[in-house]
């Protein structure tokens, strides 16, 4: 994923995954939450293995990744929006059946 695409996605999800700092600790930033989630989805590595590349504990990853996935899943909302995304994907990458590319099955 290129930086501009990451930033667009971050702008969409950041308000929903932002957490407040407490007197005990600083919250994990939306950028780090999204990066950890995307790395997990791209690699399929375990939380225990992923902790080394994202510097977040496996326990925190166990909360962060499902929360972030739920937020991402909310976008887009309708069948038509998914269809438009598919058309845009095919035009940009000349790759039909884009949904198969998302879940790894064709």
PDB file of N, CA and C in Angstrom:
ATOM      1  N   UNK A   1       0.855  -1.169   0.000  1.00  0.00           N
ATOM      2  CA  UNK A   1       0.000   0.000   0.000  1.00  0.00           C
ATOM      3  C   UNK A   1       0.904   1.236   0.000  1.00  0.00           C
ATOM      4  N   UNK A   2       0.613   2.140  -0.892  1.00  0.00           N
ATOM      5  CA  UNK A   2       1.426   3.352  -0.936  1.00  0.00           C
ATOM      6  C   UNK A   2       0.977   4.330   0.162  1.00  0.00           C
ATOM      7  N   UNK A   3       1.804   5.343   0.396  1.00  0.00           N
ATOM      8  CA  UNK A   3       1.583   6.264   1.496  1.00  0.00           C
ATOM      9  C   UNK A   3       0.283   7.047   1.348  1.00  0.00           C
ATOM     10  N   UNK A   4      -0.049   7.477   0.136  1.00  0.00           N
ATOM     11  CA  UNK A   4      -1.272   8.272  -0.036  1.00  0.00           C
ATOM     12  C   UNK A   4      -2.522   7.433   0.250  1.00  0.00           C
ATOM     13  N   UNK A   5      -2.521   6.177  -0.141  1.00  0.00           N
ATOM     14  CA  UNK A   5      -3.657   5.293   0.146  1.00  0.00           C
ATOM     15  C   UNK A   5      -3.770   5.053   1.643  1.00  0.00           C
ATOM     16  N   UNK A   6      -2.629   4.837   2.290  1.00  0.00           N
ATOM     17  CA  UNK A   6      -2.626   4.646   3.743  1.00  0.00           C
ATOM     18  C   UNK A   6      -3.197   5.877   4.444  1.00  0.00           C
ATOM     19  N   UNK A   7      -2.792   7.053   4.005  1.00  0.00           N
ATOM     20  CA  UNK A   7      -3.275   8.289   4.625  1.00  0.00           C
ATOM     21  C   UNK A   7      -4.780   8.472   4.427  1.00  0.00           C
ATOM     22  N   UNK A   8      -5.286   8.120   3.240  1.00  0.00           N
ATOM     23  CA  UNK A   8      -6.735   8.212   2.992  1.00  0.00           C
ATOM     24  C   UNK A   8      -7.495   7.292   3.949  1.00  0.00           C
ATOM     25  N   UNK A   9      -7.017   6.059   4.069  1.00  0.00           N
ATOM     26  CA  UNK A   9      -7.660   5.106   4.963  1.00  0.00           C
ATOM     27  C   UNK A   9      -7.550   5.579   6.408  1.00  0.00           C
ATOM     28  N   UNK A  10      -6.404   6.093   6.780  1.00  0.00           N
ATOM     29  CA  UNK A  10      -6.216   6.608   8.134  1.00  0.00           C
ATOM     30  C   UNK A  10      -7.172   7.762   8.426  1.00  0.00           C
ATOM     31  N   UNK A  11      -7.358   8.644   7.466  1.00  0.00           N
ATOM     32  CA  UNK A  11      -8.301   9.757   7.649  1.00  0.00           C
ATOM     33  C   UNK A  11      -9.724   9.254   7.879  1.00  0.00           C
ATOM     34  N   UNK A  12     -10.085   8.151   7.219  1.00  0.00           N
ATOM     35  CA  UNK A  12     -11.427   7.589   7.397  1.00  0.00           C
ATOM     36  C   UNK A  12     -11.616   6.939   8.764  1.00  0.00           C
ATOM     37  N   UNK A  13     -10.628   6.179   9.195  1.00  0.00           N
ATOM     38  CA  UNK A  13     -10.804   5.381  10.412  1.00  0.00           C
ATOM     39  C   UNK A  13     -10.300   6.039  11.685  1.00  0.00           C
ATOM     40  N   UNK A  14      -9.417   7.021  11.588  1.00  0.00           N
ATOM     41  CA  UNK A  14      -8.796   7.615  12.781  1.00  0.00           C
ATOM     42  C   UNK A  14      -9.801   8.098  13.824  1.00  0.00           C
ATOM     43  N   UNK A  15     -10.858   8.805  13.435  1.00  0.00           N
ATOM     44  CA  UNK A  15     -11.797   9.258  14.476  1.00  0.00           C
ATOM     45  C   UNK A  15     -12.448   8.104  15.239  1.00  0.00           C
ATOM     46  N   UNK A  16     -12.517   6.942  14.628  1.00  0.00           N
ATOM     47  CA  UNK A  16     -13.189   5.795  15.251  1.00  0.00           C
ATOM     48  C   UNK A  16     -12.253   4.931  16.088  1.00  0.00           C
ATOM     49  N   UNK A  17     -10.954   5.049  15.858  1.00  0.00           N
ATOM     50  CA  UNK A  17     -10.005   4.202  16.591  1.00  0.00           C
ATOM     51  C   UNK A  17      -9.107   5.005  17.528  1.00  0.00           C
ATOM     52  N   UNK A  18      -9.296   6.322  17.583  1.00  0.00           N
ATOM     53  CA  UNK A  18      -8.517   7.184  18.473  1.00  0.00           C
ATOM     54  C   UNK A  18      -8.870   6.873  19.926  1.00  0.00           C
ATOM     55  N   UNK A  19      -7.880   6.752  20.787  1.00  0.00           N
ATOM     56  CA  UNK A  19      -8.084   6.546  22.215  1.00  0.00           C
ATOM     57  C   UNK A  19      -7.391   7.674  22.973  1.00  0.00           C
ATOM     58  N   UNK A  20      -7.828   7.928  24.185  1.00  0.00           N
ATOM     59  CA  UNK A  20      -7.267   9.007  24.996  1.00  0.00           C
ATOM     60  C   UNK A  20      -6.098   8.498  25.841  1.00  0.00           C
ATOM     61  N   UNK A  21      -5.133   9.385  26.060  1.00  0.00           N
ATOM     62  CA  UNK A  21      -4.042   9.089  26.981  1.00  0.00           C
ATOM     63  C   UNK A  21      -4.595   9.095  28.399  1.00  0.00           C
ATOM     64  N   UNK A  22      -3.966   8.323  29.272  1.00  0.00           N
ATOM     65  CA  UNK A  22      -4.322   8.340  30.687  1.00  0.00           C
ATOM     66  C   UNK A  22      -3.106   8.776  31.492  1.00  0.00           C
ATOM     67  N   UNK A  23      -3.291   8.929  32.787  1.00  0.00           N
ATOM     68  CA  UNK A  23      -2.153   9.295  33.627  1.00  0.00           C
ATOM     69  C   UNK A  23      -1.163   8.139  33.756  1.00  0.00           C
ATOM     70  N   UNK A  24      -1.606   6.934  33.413  1.00  0.00           N
ATOM     71  CA  UNK A  24      -0.755   5.752  33.528  1.00  0.00           C
ATOM     72  C   UNK A  24       0.052   5.452  32.264  1.00  0.00           C
ATOM     73  N   UNK A  25      -0.508   5.846  31.098  1.00  0.00           N
ATOM     74  CA  UNK A  25       0.169   5.490  29.843  1.00  0.00           C
ATOM     75  C   UNK A  25      -0.334   6.353  28.697  1.00  0.00           C
ATOM     76  N   UNK A  26       0.455   6.381  27.637  1.00  0.00           N
ATOM     77  CA  UNK A  26       0.047   7.052  26.400  1.00  0.00           C
ATOM     78  C   UNK A  26      -0.705   6.052  25.539  1.00  0.00           C
ATOM     79  N   UNK A  27      -1.752   6.529  24.890  1.00  0.00           N
ATOM     80  CA  UNK A  27      -2.543   5.655  24.007  1.00  0.00           C
ATOM     81  C   UNK A  27      -1.757   5.330  22.742  1.00  0.00           C
ATOM     82  N   UNK A  28      -2.034   4.181  22.176  1.00  0.00           N
ATOM     83  CA  UNK A  28      -1.434   3.796  20.896  1.00  0.00           C
ATOM     84  C   UNK A  28      -2.126   4.624  19.819  1.00  0.00           C
ATOM     85  N   UNK A  29      -1.348   5.278  18.985  1.00  0.00           N
ATOM     86  CA  UNK A  29      -1.888   6.209  17.997  1.00  0.00           C
ATOM     87  C   UNK A  29      -2.724   5.484  16.939  1.00  0.00           C
ATOM     88  N   UNK A  30      -3.672   6.200  16.319  1.00  0.00           N
ATOM     89  CA  UNK A  30      -4.447   5.599  15.231  1.00  0.00           C
ATOM     90  C   UNK A  30      -3.546   5.104  14.093  1.00  0.00           C
ATOM     91  N   UNK A  31      -2.472   5.836  13.814  1.00  0.00           N
ATOM     92  CA  UNK A  31      -1.534   5.428  12.764  1.00  0.00           C
ATOM     93  C   UNK A  31      -0.916   4.062  13.092  1.00  0.00           C
ATOM     94  N   UNK A  32      -0.474   3.888  14.338  1.00  0.00           N
ATOM     95  CA  UNK A  32       0.115   2.610  14.743  1.00  0.00           C
ATOM     96  C   UNK A  32      -0.921   1.497  14.783  1.00  0.00           C
ATOM     97  N   UNK A  33      -2.134   1.831  15.190  1.00  0.00           N
ATOM     98  CA  UNK A  33      -3.213   0.835  15.226  1.00  0.00           C
ATOM     99  C   UNK A  33      -3.519   0.326  13.813  1.00  0.00           C
ATOM    100  N   UNK A  34      -3.641   1.272  12.886  1.00  0.00           N
ATOM    101  CA  UNK A  34      -3.942   0.894  11.506  1.00  0.00           C
ATOM    102  C   UNK A  34      -2.777   0.123  10.882  1.00  0.00           C
ATOM    103  N   UNK A  35      -1.563   0.577  11.113  1.00  0.00           N
ATOM    104  CA  UNK A  35      -0.390  -0.098  10.555  1.00  0.00           C
ATOM    105  C   UNK A  35      -0.287  -1.533  11.069  1.00  0.00           C
ATOM    106  N   UNK A  36      -0.512  -1.734  12.363  1.00  0.00           N
ATOM    107  CA  UNK A  36      -0.462  -3.082  12.933  1.00  0.00           C
ATOM    108  C   UNK A  36      -1.548  -3.972  12.324  1.00  0.00           C
ATOM    109  N   UNK A  37      -2.744  -3.415  12.164  1.00  0.00           N
ATOM    110  CA  UNK A  37      -3.858  -4.183  11.594  1.00  0.00           C
ATOM    111  C   UNK A  37      -3.574  -4.571  10.157  1.00  0.00           C
ATOM    112  N   UNK A  38      -3.102  -3.634   9.355  1.00  0.00           N
ATOM    113  CA  UNK A  38      -2.811  -3.930   7.952  1.00  0.00           C
ATOM    114  C   UNK A  38      -1.667  -4.941   7.819  1.00  0.00           C
ATOM    115  N   UNK A  39      -0.671  -4.817   8.677  1.00  0.00           N
ATOM    116  CA  UNK A  39       0.436  -5.785   8.649  1.00  0.00           C
ATOM    117  C   UNK A  39      -0.062  -7.181   9.007  1.00  0.00           C
ATOM    118  N   UNK A  40      -0.941  -7.255  10.009  1.00  0.00           N
ATOM    119  CA  UNK A  40      -1.528  -8.536  10.393  1.00  0.00           C
ATOM    120  C   UNK A  40      -2.335  -9.133   9.237  1.00  0.00           C
ATOM    121  N   UNK A  41      -3.175  -8.314   8.608  1.00  0.00           N
ATOM    122  CA  UNK A  41      -4.005  -8.800   7.504  1.00  0.00           C
ATOM    123  C   UNK A  41      -3.158  -9.211   6.297  1.00  0.00           C
ATOM    124  N   UNK A  42      -2.078  -8.498   6.058  1.00  0.00           N
ATOM    125  CA  UNK A  42      -1.226  -8.790   4.899  1.00  0.00           C
ATOM    126  C   UNK A  42      -0.368 -10.033   5.105  1.00  0.00           C
ATOM    127  N   UNK A  43       0.086 -10.247   6.336  1.00  0.00           N
ATOM    128  CA  UNK A  43       1.037 -11.339   6.572  1.00  0.00           C
ATOM    129  C   UNK A  43       0.409 -12.574   7.197  1.00  0.00           C
ATOM    130  N   UNK A  44      -0.653 -12.368   7.991  1.00  0.00           N
ATOM    131  CA  UNK A  44      -1.263 -13.502   8.679  1.00  0.00           C
ATOM    132  C   UNK A  44      -0.431 -14.012   9.842  1.00  0.00           C
ATOM    133  N   UNK A  45       0.558 -13.227  10.253  1.00  0.00           N
ATOM    134  CA  UNK A  45       1.417 -13.641  11.362  1.00  0.00           C
ATOM    135  C   UNK A  45       0.640 -13.617  12.670  1.00  0.00           C
ATOM    136  N   UNK A  46       1.115 -14.371  13.640  1.00  0.00           N
ATOM    137  CA  UNK A  46       0.460 -14.395  14.950  1.00  0.00           C
ATOM    138  C   UNK A  46       0.737 -13.088  15.683  1.00  0.00           C
ATOM    139  N   UNK A  47      -0.075 -12.790  16.690  1.00  0.00           N
ATOM    140  CA  UNK A  47       0.147 -11.594  17.492  1.00  0.00           C
ATOM    141  C   UNK A  47       1.515 -11.666  18.167  1.00  0.00           C
ATOM    142  N   UNK A  48       1.870 -12.841  18.622  1.00  0.00           N
ATOM    143  CA  UNK A  48       3.149 -13.044  19.303  1.00  0.00           C
ATOM    144  C   UNK A  48       4.319 -12.716  18.367  1.00  0.00           C
ATOM    145  N   UNK A  49       4.217 -13.100  17.111  1.00  0.00           N
ATOM    146  CA  UNK A  49       5.266 -12.813  16.138  1.00  0.00           C
ATOM    147  C   UNK A  49       5.207 -11.358  15.670  1.00  0.00           C
ATOM    148  N   UNK A  50       4.005 -10.842  15.551  1.00  0.00           N
ATOM    149  CA  UNK A  50       3.805  -9.476  15.064  1.00  0.00           C
ATOM    150  C   UNK A  50       4.313  -8.426  16.050  1.00  0.00           C
ATOM    151  N   UNK A  51       4.341  -8.762  17.322  1.00  0.00           N
ATOM    152  CA  UNK A  51       4.752  -7.785  18.334  1.00  0.00           C
ATOM    153  C   UNK A  51       6.156  -7.241  18.094  1.00  0.00           C
ATOM    154  N   UNK A  52       7.017  -8.015  17.467  1.00  0.00           N
ATOM    155  CA  UNK A  52       8.383  -7.569  17.228  1.00  0.00           C
ATOM    156  C   UNK A  52       8.466  -6.506  16.144  1.00  0.00           C
ATOM    157  N   UNK A  53       7.614  -6.586  15.144  1.00  0.00           N
ATOM    158  CA  UNK A  53       7.691  -5.618  14.043  1.00  0.00           C
ATOM    159  C   UNK A  53       6.851  -4.369  14.270  1.00  0.00           C
ATOM    160  N   UNK A  54       5.892  -4.421  15.202  1.00  0.00           N
ATOM    161  CA  UNK A  54       5.061  -3.239  15.448  1.00  0.00           C
ATOM    162  C   UNK A  54       5.259  -2.652  16.845  1.00  0.00           C
ATOM    163  N   UNK A  55       6.049  -3.300  17.678  1.00  0.00           N
ATOM    164  CA  UNK A  55       6.360  -2.824  19.036  1.00  0.00           C
ATOM    165  C   UNK A  55       5.108  -2.583  19.877  1.00  0.00           C
ATOM    166  N   UNK A  56       4.180  -3.535  19.803  1.00  0.00           N
ATOM    167  CA  UNK A  56       2.953  -3.496  20.596  1.00  0.00           C
ATOM    168  C   UNK A  56       2.772  -4.894  21.184  1.00  0.00           C
ATOM    169  N   UNK A  57       2.335  -4.972  22.424  1.00  0.00           N
ATOM    170  CA  UNK A  57       2.187  -6.271  23.081  1.00  0.00           C
ATOM    171  C   UNK A  57       1.119  -7.125  22.394  1.00  0.00           C
ATOM    172  N   UNK A  58       1.261  -8.444  22.475  1.00  0.00           N
ATOM    173  CA  UNK A  58       0.241  -9.324  21.880  1.00  0.00           C
ATOM    174  C   UNK A  58      -1.147  -9.103  22.492  1.00  0.00           C
ATOM    175  N   UNK A  59      -1.193  -8.770  23.781  1.00  0.00           N
ATOM    176  CA  UNK A  59      -2.479  -8.525  24.436  1.00  0.00           C
ATOM    177  C   UNK A  59      -3.157  -7.291  23.831  1.00  0.00           C
ATOM    178  N   UNK A  60      -2.384  -6.240  23.616  1.00  0.00           N
ATOM    179  CA  UNK A  60      -2.940  -5.036  23.006  1.00  0.00           C
ATOM    180  C   UNK A  60      -3.334  -5.303  21.555  1.00  0.00           C
ATOM    181  N   UNK A  61      -2.520  -6.061  20.830  1.00  0.00           N
ATOM    182  CA  UNK A  61      -2.856  -6.405  19.444  1.00  0.00           C
ATOM    183  C   UNK A  61      -4.168  -7.175  19.382  1.00  0.00           C
ATOM    184  N   UNK A  62      -4.407  -8.020  20.374  1.00  0.00           N
ATOM    185  CA  UNK A  62      -5.644  -8.788  20.435  1.00  0.00           C
ATOM    186  C   UNK A  62      -6.884  -7.919  20.571  1.00  0.00           C
ATOM    187  N   UNK A  63      -6.709  -6.702  21.071  1.00  0.00           N
ATOM    188  CA  UNK A  63      -7.828  -5.756  21.147  1.00  0.00           C
ATOM    189  C   UNK A  63      -7.837  -4.821  19.937  1.00  0.00           C
ATOM    190  N   UNK A  64      -6.665  -4.338  19.567  1.00  0.00           N
ATOM    191  CA  UNK A  64      -6.542  -3.346  18.501  1.00  0.00           C
ATOM    192  C   UNK A  64      -7.001  -3.884  17.149  1.00  0.00           C
ATOM    193  N   UNK A  65      -6.529  -5.047  16.776  1.00  0.00           N
ATOM    194  CA  UNK A  65      -6.801  -5.573  15.430  1.00  0.00           C
ATOM    195  C   UNK A  65      -8.289  -5.836  15.208  1.00  0.00           C
ATOM    196  N   UNK A  66      -8.987  -6.536  16.102  1.00  0.00           N
ATOM    197  CA  UNK A  66     -10.437  -6.707  15.876  1.00  0.00           C
ATOM    198  C   UNK A  66     -11.206  -5.389  15.859  1.00  0.00           C
ATOM    199  N   UNK A  67     -10.843  -4.450  16.738  1.00  0.00           N
ATOM    200  CA  UNK A  67     -11.517  -3.150  16.758  1.00  0.00           C
ATOM    201  C   UNK A  67     -11.330  -2.413  15.438  1.00  0.00           C
ATOM    202  N   UNK A  68     -10.112  -2.390  14.948  1.00  0.00           N
ATOM    203  CA  UNK A  68      -9.811  -1.678  13.706  1.00  0.00           C
ATOM    204  C   UNK A  68     -10.480  -2.356  12.517  1.00  0.00           C
ATOM    205  N   UNK A  69     -10.488  -3.684  12.497  1.00  0.00           N
ATOM    206  CA  UNK A  69     -11.163  -4.406  11.411  1.00  0.00           C
ATOM    207  C   UNK A  69     -12.654  -4.089  11.379  1.00  0.00           C
ATOM    208  N   UNK A  70     -13.284  -3.992  12.546  1.00  0.00           N
ATOM    209  CA  UNK A  70     -14.709  -3.657  12.596  1.00  0.00           C
ATOM    210  C   UNK A  70     -14.964  -2.273  12.013  1.00  0.00           C
ATOM    211  N   UNK A  71     -14.069  -1.341  12.293  1.00  0.00           N
ATOM    212  CA  UNK A  71     -14.224   0.013  11.758  1.00  0.00           C
ATOM    213  C   UNK A  71     -14.032   0.006  10.245  1.00  0.00           C
ATOM    214  N   UNK A  72     -13.005  -0.670   9.769  1.00  0.00           N
ATOM    215  CA  UNK A  72     -12.751  -0.742   8.322  1.00  0.00           C
ATOM    216  C   UNK A  72     -13.931  -1.393   7.610  1.00  0.00           C
ATOM    217  N   UNK A  73     -14.509  -2.396   8.231  1.00  0.00           N
ATOM    218  CA  UNK A  73     -15.614  -3.142   7.610  1.00  0.00           C
ATOM    219  C   UNK A  73     -16.834  -2.262   7.388  1.00  0.00           C
ATOM    220  N   UNK A  74     -16.974  -1.180   8.155  1.00  0.00           N
ATOM    221  CA  UNK A  74     -18.119  -0.284   8.010  1.00  0.00           C
ATOM    222  C   UNK A  74     -18.089   0.507   6.704  1.00  0.00           C
ATOM    223  N   UNK A  75     -16.939   0.597   6.066  1.00  0.00           N
ATOM    224  CA  UNK A  75     -16.785   1.368   4.827  1.00  0.00           C
ATOM    225  C   UNK A  75     -16.581   0.408   3.683  1.00  0.00           C
ATOM    226  N   UNK A  76     -17.192   0.520   2.596  1.00  0.00           N
ATOM    227  CA  UNK A  76     -18.363   1.305   2.238  1.00  0.00           C
ATOM    228  C   UNK A  76     -19.639   0.664   2.753  1.00  0.00           C
ATOM    229  N   UNK A  77     -20.762   1.352   2.544  1.00  0.00           N
ATOM    230  CA  UNK A  77     -22.021   0.925   3.152  1.00  0.00           C
ATOM    231  C   UNK A  77     -22.948   0.146   2.219  1.00  0.00           C
ATOM    232  N   UNK A  78     -22.873   0.393   0.935  1.00  0.00           N
ATOM    233  CA  UNK A  78     -23.866  -0.216   0.049  1.00  0.00           C
ATOM    234  C   UNK A  78     -23.214  -1.092  -1.023  1.00  0.00           C
ATOM    235  N   UNK A  79     -24.054  -1.891  -1.650  1.00  0.00           N
ATOM    236  CA  UNK A  79     -23.615  -2.751  -2.743  1.00  0.00           C
ATOM    237  C   UNK A  79     -23.056  -1.926  -3.911  1.00  0.00           C
ATOM    238  N   UNK A  80     -23.699  -0.794  -4.149  1.00  0.00           N
ATOM    239  CA  UNK A  80     -23.271   0.074  -5.244  1.00  0.00           C
ATOM    240  C   UNK A  80     -21.870   0.639  -4.989  1.00  0.00           C
ATOM    241  N   UNK A  81     -21.604   1.000  -3.736  1.00  0.00           N
ATOM    242  CA  UNK A  81     -20.276   1.508  -3.393  1.00  0.00           C
ATOM    243  C   UNK A  81     -19.211   0.425  -3.595  1.00  0.00           C
ATOM    244  N   UNK A  82     -19.516  -0.817  -3.200  1.00  0.00           N
ATOM    245  CA  UNK A  82     -18.579  -1.922  -3.431  1.00  0.00           C
ATOM    246  C   UNK A  82     -18.354  -2.123  -4.931  1.00  0.00           C
ATOM    247  N   UNK A  83     -19.435  -2.022  -5.711  1.00  0.00           N
ATOM    248  CA  UNK A  83     -19.311  -2.161  -7.162  1.00  0.00           C
ATOM    249  C   UNK A  83     -18.429  -1.089  -7.768  1.00  0.00           C
ATOM    250  N   UNK A  84     -18.577   0.151  -7.293  1.00  0.00           N
ATOM    251  CA  UNK A  84     -17.744   1.243  -7.784  1.00  0.00           C
ATOM    252  C   UNK A  84     -16.279   1.024  -7.409  1.00  0.00           C
ATOM    253  N   UNK A  85     -16.043   0.537  -6.217  1.00  0.00           N
ATOM    254  CA  UNK A  85     -14.669   0.235  -5.805  1.00  0.00           C
ATOM    255  C   UNK A  85     -14.079  -0.842  -6.708  1.00  0.00           C
ATOM    256  N   UNK A  86     -14.884  -1.845  -7.036  1.00  0.00           N
ATOM    257  CA  UNK A  86     -14.422  -2.900  -7.934  1.00  0.00           C
ATOM    258  C   UNK A  86     -14.081  -2.369  -9.313  1.00  0.00           C
ATOM    259  N   UNK A  87     -14.915  -1.476  -9.849  1.00  0.00           N
ATOM    260  CA  UNK A  87     -14.641  -0.881 -11.159  1.00  0.00           C
ATOM    261  C   UNK A  87     -13.371  -0.036 -11.115  1.00  0.00           C
ATOM    262  N   UNK A  88     -13.234   0.762 -10.071  1.00  0.00           N
ATOM    263  CA  UNK A  88     -12.035   1.594  -9.933  1.00  0.00           C
ATOM    264  C   UNK A  88     -10.782   0.729  -9.838  1.00  0.00           C
ATOM    265  N   UNK A  89     -10.869  -0.365  -9.083  1.00  0.00           N
ATOM    266  CA  UNK A  89      -9.736  -1.275  -8.928  1.00  0.00           C
ATOM    267  C   UNK A  89      -9.350  -1.893 -10.270  1.00  0.00           C
ATOM    268  N   UNK A  90     -10.353  -2.313 -11.029  1.00  0.00           N
ATOM    269  CA  UNK A  90     -10.074  -2.918 -12.331  1.00  0.00           C
ATOM    270  C   UNK A  90      -9.469  -1.901 -13.295  1.00  0.00           C
ATOM    271  N   UNK A  91      -9.974  -0.673 -13.285  1.00  0.00           N
ATOM    272  CA  UNK A  91      -9.421   0.360 -14.166  1.00  0.00           C
ATOM    273  C   UNK A  91      -7.984   0.705 -13.786  1.00  0.00           C
ATOM    274  N   UNK A  92      -7.727   0.790 -12.489  1.00  0.00           N
ATOM    275  CA  UNK A  92      -6.398   1.183 -12.033  1.00  0.00           C
ATOM    276  C   UNK A  92      -5.364   0.076 -12.241  1.00  0.00           C
ATOM    277  N   UNK A  93      -5.745  -1.172 -11.930  1.00  0.00           N
ATOM    278  CA  UNK A  93      -4.783  -2.273 -11.927  1.00  0.00           C
ATOM    279  C   UNK A  93      -5.021  -3.310 -13.025  1.00  0.00           C
ATOM    280  N   UNK A  94      -6.062  -3.120 -13.831  1.00  0.00           N
ATOM    281  CA  UNK A  94      -6.421  -4.088 -14.871  1.00  0.00           C
ATOM    282  C   UNK A  94      -6.520  -5.500 -14.273  1.00  0.00           C
ATOM    283  N   UNK A  95      -7.190  -5.549 -13.124  1.00  0.00           N
ATOM    284  CA  UNK A  95      -7.325  -6.815 -12.401  1.00  0.00           C
ATOM    285  C   UNK A  95      -8.779  -7.015 -12.035  1.00  0.00           C
ATOM    286  N   UNK A  96      -9.497  -7.876 -12.778  1.00  0.00           N
ATOM    287  CA  UNK A  96     -10.906  -8.111 -12.460  1.00  0.00           C
ATOM    288  C   UNK A  96     -11.042  -9.003 -11.222  1.00  0.00           C
ATOM    289  N   UNK A  97     -12.251  -9.156 -10.764  1.00  0.00           N
ATOM    290  CA  UNK A  97     -12.543 -10.007  -9.608  1.00  0.00           C
ATOM    291  C   UNK A  97     -11.774  -9.549  -8.382  1.00  0.00           C
ATOM    292  N   UNK A  98     -11.805  -8.265  -8.145  1.00  0.00           N
ATOM    293  CA  UNK A  98     -11.025  -7.662  -7.069  1.00  0.00           C
ATOM    294  C   UNK A  98     -11.358  -8.235  -5.702  1.00  0.00           C
ATOM    295  N   UNK A  99     -12.605  -8.641  -5.470  1.00  0.00           N
ATOM    296  CA  UNK A  99     -12.956  -9.163  -4.158  1.00  0.00           C
ATOM    297  C   UNK A  99     -12.203 -10.450  -3.884  1.00  0.00           C
ATOM    298  N   UNK A 100     -11.964 -11.237  -4.906  1.00  0.00           N
ATOM    299  CA  UNK A 100     -11.154 -12.433  -4.734  1.00  0.00           C
ATOM    300  C   UNK A 100      -9.745 -12.081  -4.306  1.00  0.00           C
ATOM    301  N   UNK A 101      -9.235 -10.959  -4.780  1.00  0.00           N
ATOM    302  CA  UNK A 101      -7.889 -10.517  -4.398  1.00  0.00           C
ATOM    303  C   UNK A 101      -7.867 -10.111  -2.932  1.00  0.00           C
ATOM    304  N   UNK A 102      -8.972  -9.594  -2.438  1.00  0.00           N
ATOM    305  CA  UNK A 102      -9.019  -9.151  -1.048  1.00  0.00           C
ATOM    306  C   UNK A 102      -8.942 -10.341  -0.103  1.00  0.00           C
ATOM    307  N   UNK A 103      -9.695 -11.402  -0.394  1.00  0.00           N
ATOM    308  CA  UNK A 103      -9.683 -12.515   0.550  1.00  0.00           C
ATOM    309  C   UNK A 103      -8.757 -13.647   0.124  1.00  0.00           C
ATOM    310  N   UNK A 104      -8.038 -13.484  -0.982  1.00  0.00           N
ATOM    311  CA  UNK A 104      -7.043 -14.473  -1.395  1.00  0.00           C
ATOM    312  C   UNK A 104      -7.618 -15.625  -2.210  1.00  0.00           C
ATOM    313  N   UNK A 105      -8.877 -15.535  -2.600  1.00  0.00           N
ATOM    314  CA  UNK A 105      -9.488 -16.611  -3.379  1.00  0.00           C
ATOM    315  C   UNK A 105      -9.979 -16.049  -4.700  1.00  0.00           C
ATOM    316  N   UNK A 106      -9.853 -16.823  -5.731  1.00  0.00           N
ATOM    317  CA  UNK A 106     -10.306 -16.393  -7.061  1.00  0.00           C
ATOM    318  C   UNK A 106     -11.305 -17.392  -7.596  1.00  0.00           C
TER     319      UNK A 106
END
